[in-house]
Protein backbone atom coordinates (compact mmCIF):
# COMPACT_ATOMS: atom_id res chain seq x y z
CA MET A 1 89.92 105.70 -5.76
CA GLN A 2 92.58 108.17 -4.67
CA ASN A 3 89.96 110.67 -3.49
CA CYS A 4 88.11 108.19 -1.28
CA ILE A 5 88.78 106.83 2.23
CA GLY A 6 87.64 103.28 2.91
CA ILE A 7 86.05 102.87 6.36
CA ILE A 8 85.45 99.53 8.09
CA TYR A 9 83.56 99.70 11.35
CA GLY A 10 84.17 96.47 13.23
CA GLY A 11 83.45 97.66 16.73
CA LYS A 12 79.87 96.45 17.08
CA SER A 13 79.67 93.94 19.90
CA ARG A 14 77.77 90.84 18.85
CA GLN A 15 77.16 87.81 21.06
CA ASP A 16 75.75 85.58 18.31
CA PHE A 17 78.87 83.52 17.52
CA GLY A 18 79.13 81.52 20.72
CA TYR A 19 82.65 80.71 21.86
CA LEU A 20 84.18 81.80 18.55
CA THR A 21 84.23 85.49 19.50
CA ASP A 22 85.59 84.97 23.02
CA SER A 23 89.13 85.64 21.77
CA ARG A 24 88.57 87.62 18.54
CA PRO A 25 86.20 90.18 17.00
CA GLU A 26 83.64 88.75 14.59
CA TYR A 27 85.41 90.14 11.50
CA MET A 28 88.49 88.07 12.42
CA LEU A 29 86.65 84.75 12.22
CA PRO A 30 88.44 82.23 9.96
CA TYR A 31 87.03 81.75 6.48
CA GLY A 32 87.69 79.49 3.52
CA ALA A 33 90.50 77.31 4.98
CA ARG A 34 93.18 80.02 5.13
CA TYR A 35 91.57 83.45 5.31
CA ARG A 36 89.78 85.74 7.77
CA ILE A 37 86.48 87.47 7.04
CA ILE A 38 88.21 90.89 7.17
CA ASP A 39 90.27 89.83 4.14
CA ILE A 40 87.20 90.30 1.93
CA ALA A 41 86.83 93.99 2.78
CA LEU A 42 90.55 94.75 2.60
CA SER A 43 90.94 92.87 -0.70
CA ASN A 44 88.05 94.85 -2.19
CA PHE A 45 89.73 98.09 -1.17
CA ALA A 46 93.15 96.97 -2.41
CA ASN A 47 91.83 95.72 -5.76
CA ASN A 48 89.94 98.99 -6.25
CA GLU A 49 93.11 100.98 -5.58
CA PHE A 50 92.18 102.63 -2.29
CA SER A 51 95.27 104.13 -0.66
CA ASN A 52 93.68 105.18 2.62
CA VAL A 53 91.69 102.63 4.67
CA VAL A 54 90.51 102.97 8.27
CA LEU A 55 89.50 100.10 10.54
CA TYR A 56 87.66 100.70 13.81
CA GLY A 57 88.85 97.52 15.44
CA GLY A 58 86.54 97.04 18.41
CA LYS A 59 87.45 94.91 21.39
CA ILE A 60 89.85 91.94 21.68
CA MET A 61 92.21 93.24 19.00
CA ARG A 62 95.28 91.04 19.47
CA SER A 63 94.37 88.78 16.55
CA THR A 64 93.53 91.85 14.44
CA LEU A 65 96.97 93.40 14.94
CA ASP A 66 98.72 90.05 14.42
CA HIS A 67 96.90 89.32 11.15
CA LEU A 68 96.83 92.79 9.59
CA GLY A 69 100.14 94.19 10.81
CA ASN A 70 101.00 97.31 8.84
CA GLY A 71 98.77 96.32 5.90
CA GLU A 72 101.58 94.91 3.76
CA SER A 73 99.54 91.86 2.69
CA TYR A 74 97.00 94.23 1.11
CA GLU A 75 99.55 96.72 -0.31
CA LEU A 76 98.44 99.25 2.28
CA ASN A 77 101.81 99.73 3.99
CA ARG A 78 102.50 103.28 2.84
CA ARG A 79 104.42 106.29 4.10
CA ARG A 80 101.29 108.40 3.78
CA ASN A 81 97.91 106.95 4.62
CA GLY A 82 97.69 103.19 4.02
CA LEU A 83 95.96 101.10 6.69
CA VAL A 84 95.01 102.95 9.90
CA ILE A 85 93.60 100.98 12.86
CA PHE A 86 91.70 102.84 15.59
CA PRO A 87 91.34 100.89 18.86
CA PRO A 88 88.27 101.45 21.05
CA THR A 89 88.19 103.72 24.06
CA PHE A 90 86.05 103.34 27.14
CA GLU A 91 83.69 106.01 25.84
CA ASN A 92 83.23 104.71 22.28
CA ALA A 93 83.05 100.94 22.86
CA GLY A 94 80.14 99.78 20.69
CA LYS A 95 79.11 103.38 19.90
CA GLU A 96 79.69 104.15 16.24
CA ILE A 97 78.93 107.88 16.31
CA VAL A 98 81.12 108.44 19.38
CA ALA A 99 84.01 106.59 17.68
CA TYR A 100 83.70 108.73 14.55
CA ASN A 101 83.59 111.97 16.54
CA GLU A 102 86.64 110.97 18.58
CA THR A 103 88.59 110.54 15.33
CA ARG A 104 87.09 113.60 13.63
CA ASP A 105 90.50 115.28 13.32
CA PHE A 106 91.72 112.43 11.12
CA TYR A 107 89.04 113.22 8.55
CA LEU A 108 89.59 116.97 8.80
CA ARG A 109 93.30 116.49 8.04
CA SER A 110 92.79 114.06 5.18
CA LYS A 111 92.83 115.36 1.62
CA GLU A 112 90.12 112.98 0.35
CA ASP A 113 86.60 114.33 -0.19
CA GLU A 114 84.73 111.02 -0.33
CA LEU A 115 84.19 108.09 2.03
CA TYR A 116 83.21 104.48 1.40
CA PHE A 117 81.70 102.61 4.37
CA TYR A 118 82.07 98.83 4.41
CA ASP A 119 80.36 96.34 6.71
CA PRO A 120 83.01 93.60 7.17
CA MET A 121 80.35 90.95 7.83
CA VAL A 122 78.87 91.30 4.34
CA ILE A 123 80.73 89.22 1.77
CA PHE A 124 80.75 90.40 -1.82
CA ARG A 125 83.35 91.19 -4.47
CA GLU A 126 82.78 94.23 -6.65
CA ASP A 127 84.45 96.57 -9.11
CA PHE A 128 83.64 99.88 -7.43
CA SER A 129 84.27 102.01 -10.51
CA VAL A 130 80.69 101.80 -11.88
CA SER A 131 79.07 102.74 -8.56
CA HIS A 132 81.65 105.46 -7.96
CA ASP A 133 81.02 107.01 -11.37
CA ARG A 134 77.32 107.17 -10.57
CA PHE A 135 77.99 108.71 -7.16
CA ILE A 136 80.02 111.48 -8.83
CA GLU A 137 77.89 112.03 -11.93
CA GLU A 138 74.64 112.38 -9.97
CA ASP A 139 76.33 114.53 -7.30
CA LEU A 140 74.84 112.39 -4.52
CA ASP A 141 75.34 112.98 -0.82
CA ILE A 142 75.10 109.23 -0.18
CA LEU A 143 74.94 106.14 -2.39
CA LEU A 144 73.53 103.12 -0.55
CA PHE A 145 74.38 99.59 -1.71
CA CYS A 146 71.66 96.96 -1.63
CA LYS A 147 70.86 93.45 -2.84
CA LYS A 148 67.46 91.85 -3.50
CA MET A 149 67.33 88.80 -1.23
CA ASP A 150 65.03 85.81 -0.78
CA ASN A 151 63.11 86.37 2.44
CA ALA A 152 61.36 83.00 2.73
CA THR A 153 63.89 81.42 5.11
CA GLY A 154 63.61 84.13 7.76
CA LEU A 155 67.40 84.43 7.97
CA PHE A 156 67.34 88.18 7.43
CA ILE A 157 64.74 89.24 9.99
CA GLY A 158 66.03 92.36 11.71
CA GLU A 159 68.31 93.42 8.84
CA THR A 160 68.08 96.94 7.42
CA ARG A 161 65.89 97.11 4.31
CA LEU A 162 65.50 99.78 1.64
CA ASN A 163 61.98 100.54 0.44
CA LEU A 164 62.09 101.63 -3.20
CA ASP A 165 59.58 102.89 -5.75
CA ASP A 166 59.09 101.26 -9.17
CA GLU A 167 61.98 103.25 -10.61
CA GLY A 168 64.42 102.21 -7.88
CA ASN A 169 64.36 105.48 -5.96
CA LEU A 170 64.57 105.40 -2.18
CA ILE A 171 61.30 105.93 -0.32
CA SER A 172 62.34 104.94 3.21
CA ILE A 173 64.72 102.82 5.29
CA GLY A 174 63.32 100.28 7.72
CA THR A 175 63.76 96.90 9.36
CA ASN A 176 62.98 93.63 7.62
CA GLN A 177 60.14 91.83 9.40
CA GLY A 178 60.29 88.69 7.23
CA ILE A 179 56.81 89.23 5.77
CA ASP A 180 57.60 89.73 2.06
CA ASP A 181 58.93 86.97 -0.21
CA GLU A 182 61.80 89.24 -1.24
CA PHE A 183 63.29 92.43 0.14
CA ASN A 184 66.04 94.92 -0.63
CA LEU A 185 68.84 94.28 1.86
CA MET A 186 71.06 97.25 2.61
CA THR A 187 74.49 95.65 2.42
CA ASN A 188 76.67 98.68 3.07
CA ILE A 189 76.16 102.38 3.51
CA GLY A 190 78.44 102.80 0.50
CA TYR A 191 79.66 106.22 -0.61
CA MET A 192 79.22 109.46 1.29
CA LYS A 193 80.64 112.94 0.86
CA LYS A 194 83.08 113.67 3.67
CA GLU A 195 81.44 117.03 4.34
CA VAL A 196 78.05 115.38 4.75
CA PHE A 197 79.55 112.77 7.09
CA LEU A 198 81.19 115.36 9.33
CA ASN A 199 77.97 117.35 9.58
CA LEU A 200 75.91 114.25 10.39
CA ILE A 201 78.16 112.98 13.18
CA HIS A 202 78.51 116.47 14.64
CA ASP A 203 74.75 116.97 14.79
CA ALA A 204 74.19 113.46 16.16
CA ALA A 205 76.71 113.98 18.95
CA LYS A 206 75.31 117.42 19.77
CA ASN A 207 71.75 116.12 20.00
CA SER A 208 72.69 112.72 21.52
CA ASN A 209 70.00 111.09 19.43
CA SER A 210 71.78 108.06 17.96
CA ASN A 211 74.73 105.70 18.35
CA GLU A 212 74.74 104.38 14.76
CA LEU A 213 75.35 106.18 11.49
CA ILE A 214 72.44 104.55 9.67
CA ASP A 215 70.03 105.94 12.28
CA VAL A 216 71.41 109.41 11.70
CA ILE A 217 70.88 109.00 7.95
CA ILE A 218 67.29 107.86 8.52
CA SER A 219 66.67 110.96 10.65
CA ASN A 220 67.88 113.18 7.81
CA LEU A 221 66.39 111.46 4.75
CA ASP A 222 64.46 114.55 3.68
CA LYS A 223 67.63 116.68 3.79
CA LEU A 224 69.95 114.36 1.87
CA LYS A 225 70.30 113.44 -1.79
CA ILE A 226 70.49 109.64 -1.61
CA GLY A 227 70.83 107.14 -4.45
CA VAL A 228 70.60 103.34 -4.42
CA TYR A 229 73.01 100.97 -6.16
CA MET A 230 71.78 97.41 -6.68
CA ILE A 231 74.51 94.74 -6.44
CA ASP A 232 74.20 92.14 -9.17
CA GLY A 233 76.57 89.43 -7.90
CA TYR A 234 76.85 87.06 -4.96
CA VAL A 235 76.23 88.51 -1.48
CA GLU A 236 76.49 86.70 1.85
CA VAL A 237 75.56 88.19 5.23
CA ILE A 238 77.11 86.75 8.41
CA ARG A 239 75.38 87.74 11.66
CA ASN A 240 75.43 84.56 13.74
CA LEU A 241 77.04 81.16 14.15
CA THR A 242 74.75 79.37 11.69
CA GLN A 243 75.28 81.97 8.96
CA PHE A 244 79.03 81.76 9.54
CA TYR A 245 78.91 77.97 9.20
CA ASP A 246 76.79 78.20 6.03
CA ALA A 247 79.03 80.87 4.48
CA ASN A 248 82.06 78.61 4.81
CA LEU A 249 80.34 75.51 3.43
CA LYS A 250 78.90 77.47 0.49
CA LEU A 251 82.47 77.87 -0.75
CA LEU A 252 82.26 74.21 -1.82
CA ASN A 253 80.00 75.46 -4.63
CA THR A 254 82.34 76.18 -7.56
CA ASP A 255 80.50 79.29 -8.75
CA ILE A 256 80.51 80.85 -5.27
CA TYR A 257 84.14 79.86 -4.74
CA ASN A 258 85.22 81.54 -7.99
CA ASN A 259 83.19 84.64 -7.19
CA VAL A 260 84.66 85.08 -3.71
CA PHE A 261 88.27 84.22 -4.48
CA PHE A 262 88.80 85.55 -8.00
CA LYS A 263 86.19 88.17 -8.97
CA ASN A 264 87.74 91.61 -9.44
CA GLY A 265 91.18 90.45 -8.34
CA LEU A 266 92.55 87.84 -5.96
CA LEU A 267 91.50 87.50 -2.34
CA LEU A 268 94.49 88.67 -0.28
CA THR A 269 95.60 87.56 3.17
CA LYS A 270 98.60 87.25 5.46
CA SER A 271 100.93 84.63 4.02
CA LYS A 272 102.27 81.74 6.09
CA ASP A 273 104.96 79.27 5.08
CA GLU A 274 103.40 75.83 5.42
CA PRO A 275 104.21 72.52 3.72
CA SER A 276 101.70 70.98 1.35
CA ALA A 277 98.89 68.89 2.77
CA LEU A 278 99.90 65.28 3.42
CA TYR A 279 97.45 62.54 2.45
CA GLY A 280 98.09 59.10 3.93
CA ASP A 281 97.28 55.75 2.31
CA SER A 282 93.93 55.57 4.12
CA ALA A 283 92.89 59.17 3.36
CA CYS A 284 89.66 59.80 1.46
CA VAL A 285 88.69 63.41 0.67
CA LYS A 286 85.57 64.52 -1.21
CA ASN A 287 84.35 68.03 -2.05
CA SER A 288 86.36 69.85 0.62
CA LEU A 289 88.74 72.80 0.97
CA ILE A 290 92.03 71.68 2.49
CA ALA A 291 94.70 74.20 3.58
CA ASN A 292 98.46 73.68 3.62
CA GLY A 293 100.06 71.92 6.56
CA VAL A 294 97.18 69.46 7.01
CA LYS A 295 97.77 65.74 7.62
CA ILE A 296 94.89 63.44 6.65
CA ASP A 297 94.63 59.70 7.24
CA GLY A 298 90.85 59.58 7.68
CA LYS A 299 87.76 60.45 5.63
CA VAL A 300 86.80 64.08 4.94
CA GLU A 301 83.66 65.08 3.05
CA ASN A 302 81.99 68.46 2.40
CA SER A 303 84.21 70.23 4.93
CA ILE A 304 86.57 73.19 5.37
CA ILE A 305 89.90 72.22 6.91
CA PHE A 306 92.30 74.96 8.07
CA ARG A 307 96.08 74.89 8.45
CA GLY A 308 97.87 72.43 10.69
CA VAL A 309 94.92 70.10 11.28
CA GLU A 310 95.60 66.40 11.90
CA ILE A 311 92.92 63.84 11.02
CA GLN A 312 93.95 60.35 12.09
CA GLU A 313 93.14 56.96 10.59
CA GLY A 314 89.55 55.73 10.83
CA SER A 315 88.11 59.14 11.69
CA VAL A 316 85.22 60.63 9.69
CA ILE A 317 84.67 64.37 9.14
CA LYS A 318 81.50 65.53 7.35
CA ASN A 319 79.90 68.94 6.83
CA SER A 320 82.26 70.55 9.32
CA VAL A 321 84.53 73.59 9.68
CA ILE A 322 87.79 72.64 11.41
CA PHE A 323 90.04 75.50 12.57
CA GLU A 324 93.83 75.51 12.81
CA ARG A 325 95.77 72.93 14.83
CA THR A 326 92.75 70.78 15.63
CA VAL A 327 93.65 67.12 16.20
CA ILE A 328 91.03 64.45 15.51
CA GLU A 329 92.20 61.09 16.79
CA LYS A 330 91.53 57.60 15.46
CA ASN A 331 87.95 56.49 14.78
CA ALA A 332 86.41 59.79 15.89
CA VAL A 333 83.28 61.01 14.09
CA VAL A 334 82.73 64.75 13.53
CA VAL A 335 79.56 65.89 11.72
CA ASN A 336 77.98 69.36 11.42
CA THR A 337 80.59 70.78 13.80
CA ILE A 338 82.81 73.85 14.15
CA THR A 339 86.04 73.44 16.12
CA ASP A 340 88.01 76.49 17.21
CA LYS A 341 91.83 76.49 17.22
CA GLY A 342 93.74 73.81 19.06
CA VAL A 343 90.80 71.49 19.77
CA LEU A 344 91.55 67.85 20.58
CA ILE A 345 88.88 65.24 19.81
CA LYS A 346 89.95 62.00 21.40
CA GLU A 347 89.86 58.50 19.97
CA ASN A 348 86.42 56.94 19.35
CA VAL A 349 84.56 60.14 20.32
CA THR A 350 81.52 61.35 18.33
CA ALA A 351 80.67 65.05 17.88
CA VAL A 352 77.48 65.63 15.91
CA GLY A 353 75.49 68.84 15.46
CA ASN A 354 72.53 69.94 13.40
CA PRO A 355 72.95 71.73 10.03
CA ASN A 356 70.80 74.56 11.41
CA TYR A 357 72.59 74.59 14.78
CA PRO A 358 76.14 73.28 14.33
CA TYR A 359 77.95 71.83 17.33
CA GLU A 360 80.68 74.19 18.54
CA LEU A 361 83.90 73.44 20.41
CA LYS A 362 85.76 76.35 22.01
CA LYS A 363 89.46 77.09 21.64
CA ASN A 364 91.81 74.41 23.04
CA ALA A 365 88.88 72.27 24.19
CA ILE A 366 89.40 68.54 24.76
CA LEU A 367 86.49 66.28 23.85
CA GLU A 368 86.83 62.81 25.27
CA ASP A 369 84.67 59.81 26.04
CA LYS A 370 83.48 59.91 29.64
């Protein structure tokens, strides 16, 4: 993909993750015991041999810069191109079109003629070569990626949907109202010619008629040659706390785990030197993902345990996502819960949430019996 720039727009402000996004952007949320959600997007680009990737980082970027660095973990530390991170300005905060226009010179200077737009909060692993070949062979202005999703649960109300004819051609782009049993979820904008992109953002800024790229595309449907690529594999969308919780626990399914971590290359991340997990004589672990540096003397079941967590004797952890450096003292009970980094749950304390509304503990919180 040497003629294509990968673009990740992570600057959209979302308030649907509770305390978890107080100190990090949503794409930096921990995932799968030792990763961050952004690792999915960057691994896809690295495994598909992109040499030029741009991240619009959004607010609260300290964790972004610490985790991504110069892109070395994703083989994107290069003399020319590699990983480029654009911080927000006062003018472009949360405004996609403004952010693109402020960095317009970057695209004018670049030698690539194609762009690939990636929503970091959509999890899927894909070999991009098939879709790219179609984009080139059909001489499309834009190739939208979509996935047919079950609509019965109502989880995707408000998501962008593609309305297609019987032959899979695009009729219109709208918003999912949750009425149909199934719908075509637009997962990513996908490929776009750079020339088309520059014209769209210029016109949008001139007319001040939109803040988001997808709205500009919708306004120009009759002028653009747009194709639709249907994703065949696993897709997960994370827009709120419950979907984040579910996405982590779904990794306990072997098929989903293999798809996310091994399909089309390994899932890459920043490496940390940690000792192996230590299991005490009283430890009991069932169907869980356990990171390095964890010490377990209690019972853990159907849970995701990140680095440096300590679970003391007599404690019970079920259906929970436990972030780094959390300490769970003796005889504590933690069920359907998400703990941010550095949480302390004191001895004999119970923390229980609902599978549909997990209990959440903010960073460095102390939960004790009162």
